[in-house]
Amino acid sequence: MRAIVAGPDPEAIGEALEALGVAVERVDSPVFADALGEAGIEDADLFVLTDLAEGISVTLAKEANPDVRAVCYGDGELPESIAGTVDLVVDPSLLDAATVAEELVEELA
């Protein structure tokens, strides 16, 4: 399984995914289409955005790979314009990274 974690990762969702055997590529903010392409978005199973202010990157990820599971895991508000594009939004204050990673890996297996 392959995942891209975009944005800062203060809750360490990337590390939690790696601990479960997921190959993780990281993309720094601001998230641009070329960076997603270099990270391998076309072949990714999972796209995790940790900076909700970068919400447009979900649209970029889905344009490059319509089948990628798009998850927002971070504080803040997601722009309404892309809310319908995201598959799942999780507030880190409600679920820790290890729990979210386990559920995502189980769901995508």
N, C-alpha and C. Protein backbone atom coordinates (compact mmCIF):
# COMPACT_ATOMS: atom_id res chain seq x y z
N MET A 1 0.84 -1.17 0.00
CA MET A 1 0.00 0.00 0.00
C MET A 1 0.89 1.24 0.00
N ARG A 2 0.44 2.25 -0.75
CA ARG A 2 1.21 3.49 -0.87
C ARG A 2 0.37 4.67 -0.43
N ALA A 3 0.99 5.58 0.30
CA ALA A 3 0.30 6.78 0.79
C ALA A 3 1.17 8.00 0.58
N ILE A 4 0.49 9.12 0.41
CA ILE A 4 1.16 10.42 0.38
C ILE A 4 0.59 11.22 1.53
N VAL A 5 1.48 11.76 2.36
CA VAL A 5 1.10 12.64 3.45
C VAL A 5 1.55 14.04 3.05
N ALA A 6 0.58 14.94 2.94
CA ALA A 6 0.88 16.30 2.48
C ALA A 6 0.68 17.30 3.60
N GLY A 7 1.67 18.18 3.76
CA GLY A 7 1.62 19.19 4.79
C GLY A 7 2.45 18.77 6.00
N PRO A 8 2.50 19.65 6.99
CA PRO A 8 3.23 19.29 8.21
C PRO A 8 2.51 18.11 8.87
N ASP A 9 3.21 17.37 9.65
CA ASP A 9 2.60 16.18 10.25
C ASP A 9 2.84 16.14 11.75
N PRO A 10 2.29 17.12 12.49
CA PRO A 10 2.57 17.17 13.93
C PRO A 10 2.00 15.99 14.71
N GLU A 11 0.95 15.36 14.20
CA GLU A 11 0.37 14.21 14.90
C GLU A 11 1.02 12.89 14.48
N ALA A 12 1.92 12.94 13.51
CA ALA A 12 2.70 11.78 13.05
C ALA A 12 1.85 10.68 12.42
N ILE A 13 0.88 11.07 11.60
CA ILE A 13 0.08 10.07 10.88
C ILE A 13 0.97 9.32 9.88
N GLY A 14 1.96 9.99 9.31
CA GLY A 14 2.88 9.32 8.39
C GLY A 14 3.64 8.20 9.07
N GLU A 15 4.15 8.48 10.25
CA GLU A 15 4.88 7.46 11.01
C GLU A 15 3.96 6.31 11.41
N ALA A 16 2.73 6.63 11.77
CA ALA A 16 1.77 5.59 12.15
C ALA A 16 1.46 4.68 10.96
N LEU A 17 1.35 5.26 9.78
CA LEU A 17 1.11 4.45 8.58
C LEU A 17 2.33 3.59 8.26
N GLU A 18 3.52 4.17 8.36
CA GLU A 18 4.75 3.42 8.11
C GLU A 18 4.89 2.25 9.07
N ALA A 19 4.50 2.44 10.32
CA ALA A 19 4.58 1.37 11.31
C ALA A 19 3.69 0.18 10.95
N LEU A 20 2.70 0.43 10.09
CA LEU A 20 1.80 -0.63 9.64
C LEU A 20 2.20 -1.18 8.27
N GLY A 21 3.38 -0.79 7.80
CA GLY A 21 3.89 -1.32 6.54
C GLY A 21 3.53 -0.54 5.29
N VAL A 22 2.96 0.64 5.46
CA VAL A 22 2.58 1.47 4.32
C VAL A 22 3.79 2.25 3.84
N ALA A 23 4.02 2.27 2.54
CA ALA A 23 5.09 3.09 1.96
C ALA A 23 4.58 4.52 1.88
N VAL A 24 5.23 5.43 2.59
CA VAL A 24 4.76 6.81 2.69
C VAL A 24 5.73 7.76 2.01
N GLU A 25 5.18 8.60 1.15
CA GLU A 25 5.91 9.72 0.56
C GLU A 25 5.36 10.99 1.20
N ARG A 26 6.22 11.98 1.40
CA ARG A 26 5.78 13.22 2.03
C ARG A 26 5.92 14.39 1.05
N VAL A 27 4.94 15.28 1.13
CA VAL A 27 4.93 16.49 0.32
C VAL A 27 4.74 17.67 1.27
N ASP A 28 5.64 18.64 1.18
CA ASP A 28 5.56 19.82 2.04
C ASP A 28 4.55 20.82 1.51
N SER A 29 4.07 21.69 2.40
CA SER A 29 3.20 22.80 2.01
C SER A 29 4.07 23.91 1.43
N PRO A 30 3.57 24.65 0.49
CA PRO A 30 2.30 24.48 -0.20
C PRO A 30 2.36 23.28 -1.14
N VAL A 31 1.20 22.65 -1.31
CA VAL A 31 1.11 21.42 -2.09
C VAL A 31 0.71 21.78 -3.53
N PHE A 32 1.60 21.44 -4.46
CA PHE A 32 1.35 21.71 -5.87
C PHE A 32 1.24 20.41 -6.64
N ALA A 33 0.59 20.47 -7.80
CA ALA A 33 0.36 19.28 -8.62
C ALA A 33 1.67 18.59 -9.00
N ASP A 34 2.71 19.36 -9.33
CA ASP A 34 3.97 18.74 -9.72
C ASP A 34 4.61 17.97 -8.56
N ALA A 35 4.49 18.49 -7.35
CA ALA A 35 5.02 17.78 -6.18
C ALA A 35 4.25 16.49 -5.93
N LEU A 36 2.95 16.53 -6.13
CA LEU A 36 2.15 15.31 -5.98
C LEU A 36 2.55 14.28 -7.04
N GLY A 37 2.79 14.75 -8.24
CA GLY A 37 3.22 13.84 -9.32
C GLY A 37 4.56 13.21 -9.00
N GLU A 38 5.51 14.02 -8.52
CA GLU A 38 6.82 13.49 -8.14
C GLU A 38 6.73 12.49 -7.01
N ALA A 39 5.75 12.68 -6.12
CA ALA A 39 5.57 11.76 -4.98
C ALA A 39 4.85 10.48 -5.40
N GLY A 40 4.29 10.45 -6.62
CA GLY A 40 3.64 9.24 -7.11
C GLY A 40 2.15 9.16 -6.86
N ILE A 41 1.47 10.30 -6.92
CA ILE A 41 0.03 10.31 -6.65
C ILE A 41 -0.75 9.38 -7.58
N GLU A 42 -0.27 9.20 -8.80
CA GLU A 42 -0.99 8.35 -9.75
C GLU A 42 -1.12 6.91 -9.27
N ASP A 43 -0.18 6.45 -8.47
CA ASP A 43 -0.18 5.07 -7.98
C ASP A 43 -0.52 4.96 -6.49
N ALA A 44 -0.83 6.06 -5.85
CA ALA A 44 -1.09 6.04 -4.40
C ALA A 44 -2.48 5.47 -4.11
N ASP A 45 -2.58 4.79 -2.98
CA ASP A 45 -3.86 4.29 -2.50
C ASP A 45 -4.53 5.29 -1.58
N LEU A 46 -3.70 6.13 -0.95
CA LEU A 46 -4.18 7.01 0.10
C LEU A 46 -3.48 8.36 0.01
N PHE A 47 -4.27 9.42 0.15
CA PHE A 47 -3.75 10.78 0.21
C PHE A 47 -4.23 11.38 1.52
N VAL A 48 -3.29 11.74 2.39
CA VAL A 48 -3.64 12.32 3.69
C VAL A 48 -3.14 13.76 3.73
N LEU A 49 -4.07 14.67 3.88
CA LEU A 49 -3.75 16.09 3.99
C LEU A 49 -3.80 16.48 5.45
N THR A 50 -2.72 17.07 5.94
CA THR A 50 -2.66 17.45 7.36
C THR A 50 -2.84 18.95 7.58
N ASP A 51 -2.82 19.73 6.51
CA ASP A 51 -3.01 21.18 6.58
C ASP A 51 -4.28 21.51 5.83
N LEU A 52 -5.40 21.62 6.54
CA LEU A 52 -6.69 21.80 5.91
C LEU A 52 -6.78 23.08 5.09
N ALA A 53 -5.93 24.06 5.36
CA ALA A 53 -5.89 25.28 4.56
C ALA A 53 -5.43 24.98 3.13
N GLU A 54 -4.78 23.83 2.95
CA GLU A 54 -4.30 23.40 1.63
C GLU A 54 -5.33 22.51 0.94
N GLY A 55 -6.59 22.70 1.26
CA GLY A 55 -7.66 21.84 0.77
C GLY A 55 -7.70 21.64 -0.73
N ILE A 56 -7.28 22.63 -1.50
CA ILE A 56 -7.29 22.49 -2.96
C ILE A 56 -6.43 21.31 -3.41
N SER A 57 -5.48 20.91 -2.58
CA SER A 57 -4.62 19.78 -2.96
C SER A 57 -5.40 18.48 -3.05
N VAL A 58 -6.53 18.38 -2.35
CA VAL A 58 -7.38 17.19 -2.47
C VAL A 58 -7.91 17.10 -3.90
N THR A 59 -8.34 18.22 -4.44
CA THR A 59 -8.82 18.25 -5.82
C THR A 59 -7.70 17.87 -6.78
N LEU A 60 -6.50 18.38 -6.54
CA LEU A 60 -5.36 18.04 -7.39
C LEU A 60 -5.06 16.55 -7.33
N ALA A 61 -5.11 15.98 -6.13
CA ALA A 61 -4.84 14.55 -5.96
C ALA A 61 -5.89 13.71 -6.67
N LYS A 62 -7.16 14.08 -6.54
CA LYS A 62 -8.25 13.33 -7.17
C LYS A 62 -8.23 13.47 -8.69
N GLU A 63 -7.78 14.61 -9.19
CA GLU A 63 -7.67 14.79 -10.65
C GLU A 63 -6.60 13.86 -11.21
N ALA A 64 -5.50 13.71 -10.48
CA ALA A 64 -4.40 12.85 -10.92
C ALA A 64 -4.72 11.37 -10.71
N ASN A 65 -5.53 11.07 -9.70
CA ASN A 65 -5.85 9.68 -9.36
C ASN A 65 -7.26 9.64 -8.76
N PRO A 66 -8.28 9.48 -9.59
CA PRO A 66 -9.67 9.50 -9.09
C PRO A 66 -9.97 8.43 -8.05
N ASP A 67 -9.17 7.37 -8.00
CA ASP A 67 -9.42 6.27 -7.07
C ASP A 67 -8.73 6.43 -5.72
N VAL A 68 -7.89 7.45 -5.57
CA VAL A 68 -7.16 7.62 -4.31
C VAL A 68 -8.14 7.96 -3.20
N ARG A 69 -7.93 7.39 -2.03
CA ARG A 69 -8.75 7.68 -0.85
C ARG A 69 -8.19 8.95 -0.24
N ALA A 70 -8.99 10.03 -0.22
CA ALA A 70 -8.53 11.34 0.27
C ALA A 70 -9.03 11.56 1.69
N VAL A 71 -8.08 11.74 2.62
CA VAL A 71 -8.38 11.92 4.02
C VAL A 71 -7.76 13.22 4.51
N CYS A 72 -8.53 14.00 5.24
CA CYS A 72 -8.00 15.19 5.89
C CYS A 72 -7.87 14.88 7.36
N TYR A 73 -6.66 15.00 7.89
CA TYR A 73 -6.38 14.72 9.29
C TYR A 73 -5.61 15.90 9.86
N GLY A 74 -6.35 16.86 10.39
CA GLY A 74 -5.70 18.04 10.93
C GLY A 74 -6.71 18.98 11.55
N ASP A 75 -6.19 20.00 12.22
CA ASP A 75 -7.03 21.02 12.84
C ASP A 75 -7.43 22.05 11.80
N GLY A 76 -8.51 22.73 12.07
CA GLY A 76 -8.94 23.81 11.20
C GLY A 76 -10.18 23.43 10.42
N GLU A 77 -10.51 24.28 9.49
CA GLU A 77 -11.70 24.06 8.68
C GLU A 77 -11.31 23.84 7.23
N LEU A 78 -12.00 22.92 6.62
CA LEU A 78 -11.79 22.61 5.22
C LEU A 78 -12.61 23.59 4.38
N PRO A 79 -12.04 24.13 3.32
CA PRO A 79 -12.82 25.02 2.46
C PRO A 79 -14.07 24.30 1.93
N GLU A 80 -15.21 24.96 2.00
CA GLU A 80 -16.47 24.36 1.55
C GLU A 80 -16.42 23.91 0.10
N SER A 81 -15.65 24.59 -0.71
CA SER A 81 -15.61 24.29 -2.14
C SER A 81 -15.07 22.89 -2.44
N ILE A 82 -14.33 22.28 -1.52
CA ILE A 82 -13.79 20.95 -1.79
C ILE A 82 -14.33 19.89 -0.83
N ALA A 83 -15.25 20.27 0.02
CA ALA A 83 -15.78 19.33 1.02
C ALA A 83 -16.34 18.06 0.39
N GLY A 84 -16.95 18.16 -0.77
CA GLY A 84 -17.52 16.99 -1.44
C GLY A 84 -16.49 16.09 -2.08
N THR A 85 -15.26 16.55 -2.18
CA THR A 85 -14.18 15.78 -2.80
C THR A 85 -13.48 14.87 -1.81
N VAL A 86 -13.52 15.23 -0.55
CA VAL A 86 -12.80 14.49 0.50
C VAL A 86 -13.61 13.26 0.90
N ASP A 87 -12.91 12.14 1.07
CA ASP A 87 -13.58 10.91 1.48
C ASP A 87 -13.81 10.85 2.99
N LEU A 88 -12.90 11.45 3.76
CA LEU A 88 -12.98 11.37 5.21
C LEU A 88 -12.26 12.56 5.83
N VAL A 89 -12.87 13.15 6.86
CA VAL A 89 -12.25 14.23 7.62
C VAL A 89 -12.21 13.80 9.08
N VAL A 90 -11.02 13.82 9.66
CA VAL A 90 -10.85 13.39 11.05
C VAL A 90 -10.12 14.48 11.83
N ASP A 91 -10.68 14.83 12.97
CA ASP A 91 -10.06 15.81 13.86
C ASP A 91 -9.09 15.07 14.78
N PRO A 92 -7.81 15.44 14.79
CA PRO A 92 -6.82 14.76 15.64
C PRO A 92 -7.14 14.82 17.13
N SER A 93 -7.95 15.78 17.55
CA SER A 93 -8.30 15.84 18.97
C SER A 93 -9.31 14.75 19.33
N LEU A 94 -9.92 14.13 18.33
CA LEU A 94 -10.90 13.08 18.58
C LEU A 94 -10.32 11.67 18.44
N LEU A 95 -9.41 11.49 17.48
CA LEU A 95 -8.78 10.18 17.26
C LEU A 95 -7.29 10.37 17.04
N ASP A 96 -6.49 9.54 17.71
CA ASP A 96 -5.04 9.65 17.54
C ASP A 96 -4.60 9.04 16.21
N ALA A 97 -3.40 9.37 15.82
CA ALA A 97 -2.87 8.96 14.52
C ALA A 97 -2.81 7.44 14.38
N ALA A 98 -2.42 6.74 15.42
CA ALA A 98 -2.31 5.28 15.34
C ALA A 98 -3.67 4.64 15.05
N THR A 99 -4.72 5.14 15.69
CA THR A 99 -6.06 4.60 15.47
C THR A 99 -6.53 4.88 14.05
N VAL A 100 -6.32 6.10 13.59
CA VAL A 100 -6.73 6.47 12.23
C VAL A 100 -5.97 5.62 11.21
N ALA A 101 -4.67 5.47 11.41
CA ALA A 101 -3.86 4.68 10.48
C ALA A 101 -4.35 3.22 10.44
N GLU A 102 -4.62 2.64 11.59
CA GLU A 102 -5.10 1.26 11.64
C GLU A 102 -6.42 1.11 10.86
N GLU A 103 -7.33 2.04 11.05
CA GLU A 103 -8.62 1.98 10.36
C GLU A 103 -8.44 2.14 8.86
N LEU A 104 -7.58 3.06 8.43
CA LEU A 104 -7.37 3.27 7.00
C LEU A 104 -6.74 2.06 6.35
N VAL A 105 -5.74 1.47 7.00
CA VAL A 105 -5.07 0.31 6.43
C VAL A 105 -6.04 -0.86 6.36
N GLU A 106 -6.82 -1.05 7.39
CA GLU A 106 -7.81 -2.14 7.40
C GLU A 106 -8.84 -1.94 6.28
N GLU A 107 -9.29 -0.72 6.12
CA GLU A 107 -10.30 -0.40 5.10
C GLU A 107 -9.78 -0.61 3.69
N LEU A 108 -8.53 -0.26 3.47
CA LEU A 108 -7.96 -0.35 2.11
C LEU A 108 -7.35 -1.71 1.79
N ALA A 109 -7.24 -2.57 2.78
CA ALA A 109 -6.60 -3.89 2.56
C ALA A 109 -7.47 -4.79 1.70
